[in-house]
Amino acid sequence: MNAYYNVSPVTGKSSGVRGYDYGYDYMTIYFTSGRIYTYTYASCGETHIETMKILADRQSGLNTYVTKHKPTFASKS
């Protein structure tokens, strides 16, 4: 798992995301709540996955993106 260190520049609060992993056609997001969601090309499309990868690597905006766009997940635990 890659750590996600984002802190909101507006509120100063930590993101709801604590980490992530991704591969060619999927992304797994580990939330601070303990939930783990996996998104795939098949579940939500290439555009969502590629956008989330960019945001994760930038350490900014991933939780906001997921909250706003609500991409369909392949699995959660």
C-alpha atoms as a PDB file:
ATOM      1  CA  MET A   1       0.000   0.000   0.000  1.00  0.00           C
ATOM      2  CA  ASN A   2       1.203   3.489  -0.885  1.00  0.00           C
ATOM      3  CA  ALA A   3       0.549   6.006   1.885  1.00  0.00           C
ATOM      4  CA  TYR A   4      -1.671   8.975   1.100  1.00  0.00           C
ATOM      5  CA  TYR A   5      -0.693  12.088   3.074  1.00  0.00           C
ATOM      6  CA  ASN A   6      -3.108  14.708   1.787  1.00  0.00           C
ATOM      7  CA  VAL A   7      -4.283  17.492   4.062  1.00  0.00           C
ATOM      8  CA  SER A   8      -6.955  19.848   2.762  1.00  0.00           C
ATOM      9  CA  PRO A   9      -5.613  23.341   2.015  1.00  0.00           C
ATOM     10  CA  VAL A  10      -9.069  24.728   2.844  1.00  0.00           C
ATOM     11  CA  THR A  11      -9.861  23.004   6.154  1.00  0.00           C
ATOM     12  CA  GLY A  12      -6.451  21.766   7.243  1.00  0.00           C
ATOM     13  CA  LYS A  13      -8.001  18.369   7.951  1.00  0.00           C
ATOM     14  CA  SER A  14      -6.572  15.060   6.829  1.00  0.00           C
ATOM     15  CA  SER A  15      -8.113  13.297   3.864  1.00  0.00           C
ATOM     16  CA  GLY A  16     -10.445  10.346   4.324  1.00  0.00           C
ATOM     17  CA  VAL A  17      -7.913   8.287   2.351  1.00  0.00           C
ATOM     18  CA  ARG A  18      -4.987   6.617   4.103  1.00  0.00           C
ATOM     19  CA  GLY A  19      -3.502   4.694   1.171  1.00  0.00           C
ATOM     20  CA  TYR A  20      -3.871   3.215  -2.282  1.00  0.00           C
ATOM     21  CA  ASP A  21      -2.591   0.604  -4.700  1.00  0.00           C
ATOM     22  CA  TYR A  22      -3.119   0.356  -8.412  1.00  0.00           C
ATOM     23  CA  GLY A  23      -2.266  -1.646 -11.478  1.00  0.00           C
ATOM     24  CA  TYR A  24      -3.007  -1.366 -15.157  1.00  0.00           C
ATOM     25  CA  ASP A  25      -6.805  -1.664 -14.919  1.00  0.00           C
ATOM     26  CA  TYR A  26      -7.692  -1.286 -11.243  1.00  0.00           C
ATOM     27  CA  MET A  27      -7.251   0.844  -8.162  1.00  0.00           C
ATOM     28  CA  THR A  28      -7.710  -0.027  -4.504  1.00  0.00           C
ATOM     29  CA  ILE A  29      -8.314   2.762  -2.013  1.00  0.00           C
ATOM     30  CA  TYR A  30      -7.843   2.304   1.732  1.00  0.00           C
ATOM     31  CA  PHE A  31     -10.019   4.750   3.651  1.00  0.00           C
ATOM     32  CA  THR A  32      -9.356   5.993   7.175  1.00  0.00           C
ATOM     33  CA  SER A  33     -12.667   4.389   8.190  1.00  0.00           C
ATOM     34  CA  GLY A  34     -11.058   0.991   7.609  1.00  0.00           C
ATOM     35  CA  ARG A  35     -13.051   0.332   4.439  1.00  0.00           C
ATOM     36  CA  ILE A  36     -11.203  -0.895   1.377  1.00  0.00           C
ATOM     37  CA  TYR A  37     -12.700  -0.311  -2.060  1.00  0.00           C
ATOM     38  CA  THR A  38     -11.418  -1.718  -5.329  1.00  0.00           C
ATOM     39  CA  TYR A  39     -12.386  -0.040  -8.585  1.00  0.00           C
ATOM     40  CA  THR A  40     -11.745  -1.537 -12.024  1.00  0.00           C
ATOM     41  CA  TYR A  41     -12.047  -0.569 -15.654  1.00  0.00           C
ATOM     42  CA  ALA A  42     -14.972  -3.003 -15.811  1.00  0.00           C
ATOM     43  CA  SER A  43     -16.769  -1.527 -12.788  1.00  0.00           C
ATOM     44  CA  CYS A  44     -16.406   2.206 -13.413  1.00  0.00           C
ATOM     45  CA  GLY A  45     -14.491   2.784 -16.622  1.00  0.00           C
ATOM     46  CA  GLU A  46     -11.014   3.714 -17.692  1.00  0.00           C
ATOM     47  CA  THR A  47     -11.525   7.466 -17.255  1.00  0.00           C
ATOM     48  CA  HIS A  48     -12.340   7.191 -13.541  1.00  0.00           C
ATOM     49  CA  ILE A  49      -9.452   4.799 -12.857  1.00  0.00           C
ATOM     50  CA  GLU A  50      -6.878   6.900 -14.699  1.00  0.00           C
ATOM     51  CA  THR A  51      -8.079  10.110 -13.037  1.00  0.00           C
ATOM     52  CA  MET A  52      -7.935   8.508  -9.586  1.00  0.00           C
ATOM     53  CA  LYS A  53      -4.382   7.249 -10.265  1.00  0.00           C
ATOM     54  CA  ILE A  54      -3.245  10.777 -11.116  1.00  0.00           C
ATOM     55  CA  LEU A  55      -4.885  12.262  -8.019  1.00  0.00           C
ATOM     56  CA  ALA A  56      -3.388   9.545  -5.803  1.00  0.00           C
ATOM     57  CA  ASP A  57       0.110  10.147  -7.140  1.00  0.00           C
ATOM     58  CA  ARG A  58      -0.341  13.906  -6.647  1.00  0.00           C
ATOM     59  CA  GLN A  59      -1.494  13.245  -3.062  1.00  0.00           C
ATOM     60  CA  SER A  60      -4.394  15.616  -3.595  1.00  0.00           C
ATOM     61  CA  GLY A  61      -8.111  15.427  -4.312  1.00  0.00           C
ATOM     62  CA  LEU A  62      -8.683  11.662  -4.335  1.00  0.00           C
ATOM     63  CA  ASN A  63     -11.310  11.538  -1.588  1.00  0.00           C
ATOM     64  CA  THR A  64     -13.114  14.554  -3.046  1.00  0.00           C
ATOM     65  CA  TYR A  65     -13.165  12.926  -6.483  1.00  0.00           C
ATOM     66  CA  VAL A  66     -14.616   9.664  -5.171  1.00  0.00           C
ATOM     67  CA  THR A  67     -17.205  11.521  -3.081  1.00  0.00           C
ATOM     68  CA  LYS A  68     -18.262  13.762  -5.970  1.00  0.00           C
ATOM     69  CA  HIS A  69     -18.252  11.271  -8.856  1.00  0.00           C
ATOM     70  CA  LYS A  70     -19.191   8.080  -6.985  1.00  0.00           C
ATOM     71  CA  PRO A  71     -17.481   5.641  -9.364  1.00  0.00           C
ATOM     72  CA  THR A  72     -18.954   2.147  -9.125  1.00  0.00           C
ATOM     73  CA  PHE A  73     -16.674  -0.148  -7.138  1.00  0.00           C
ATOM     74  CA  ALA A  74     -15.913  -3.765  -7.994  1.00  0.00           C
ATOM     75  CA  SER A  75     -15.575  -4.823  -4.352  1.00  0.00           C
ATOM     76  CA  LYS A  76     -15.439  -3.470  -0.820  1.00  0.00           C
ATOM     77  CA  SER A  77     -14.410  -4.855   2.512  1.00  0.00           C
END
